[in-house]
Protein backbone atom coordinates (compact mmCIF):
# COMPACT_ATOMS: atom_id res chain seq x y z
CA MET A 1 20.40 20.39 10.89
CA ALA A 2 17.60 19.14 13.09
CA ALA A 3 17.01 15.41 13.31
CA TRP A 4 13.35 15.79 12.35
CA LEU A 5 13.99 17.59 9.07
CA PRO A 6 14.86 14.48 6.95
CA LEU A 7 11.82 12.69 8.38
CA ALA A 8 9.58 15.63 7.60
CA LEU A 9 10.88 15.74 4.02
CA ALA A 10 10.58 11.96 3.56
CA ALA A 11 7.02 11.74 4.92
CA PRO A 12 5.28 12.97 1.72
CA ALA A 13 7.66 11.00 -0.48
CA LEU A 14 6.89 7.59 1.02
CA PRO A 15 3.17 7.50 0.07
CA SER A 16 4.13 8.66 -3.43
CA VAL A 17 6.55 5.76 -3.80
CA VAL A 18 3.96 3.30 -2.48
CA ASN A 19 1.33 4.60 -4.92
CA PHE A 20 3.74 4.30 -7.82
CA ILE A 21 4.72 0.73 -6.91
CA ASP A 22 1.06 -0.22 -6.40
CA LYS A 23 0.07 1.18 -9.80
CA PHE A 24 2.99 -0.64 -11.44
CA ILE A 25 2.06 -3.96 -9.83
CA VAL A 26 -1.64 -3.62 -10.63
CA GLU A 27 -1.00 -2.73 -14.29
CA ARG A 28 1.61 -5.42 -14.89
CA GLU A 29 0.63 -8.37 -12.69
CA VAL A 30 -3.08 -8.21 -11.94
CA HIS A 31 -5.29 -9.16 -14.84
CA ASP A 32 -8.63 -8.63 -13.09
CA ALA A 33 -8.70 -5.65 -10.73
CA ARG A 34 -12.07 -6.64 -9.26
CA ALA A 35 -10.72 -10.00 -8.20
CA MET A 36 -7.73 -8.28 -6.60
CA SER A 37 -9.99 -6.09 -4.47
CA ILE A 38 -12.06 -9.09 -3.38
CA VAL A 39 -8.96 -11.06 -2.41
CA ALA A 40 -7.53 -8.09 -0.52
CA GLY A 41 -10.83 -7.60 1.31
CA VAL A 42 -10.96 -11.23 2.36
CA MET A 43 -7.35 -11.10 3.52
CA PHE A 44 -7.94 -7.95 5.58
CA ALA A 45 -11.11 -9.42 7.09
CA GLY A 46 -9.21 -12.56 8.06
CA LEU A 47 -6.41 -10.50 9.55
CA TRP A 48 -8.94 -8.45 11.50
CA LEU A 49 -10.51 -11.64 12.88
CA VAL A 50 -7.11 -13.02 13.90
CA ILE A 51 -5.89 -9.82 15.55
CA GLY A 52 -9.28 -9.00 17.02
């Protein structure tokens, strides 16, 4: 079996897992989704300013 085959099969599965975990966290832990998007935007903007 080629070494790339497991990676090629896992590539579509990883975003699916991330989407599932994200949906689970947002539904269970975040009470105000708008506030979560604002906080994430501020964090990404700060990270962008730090990294440049």
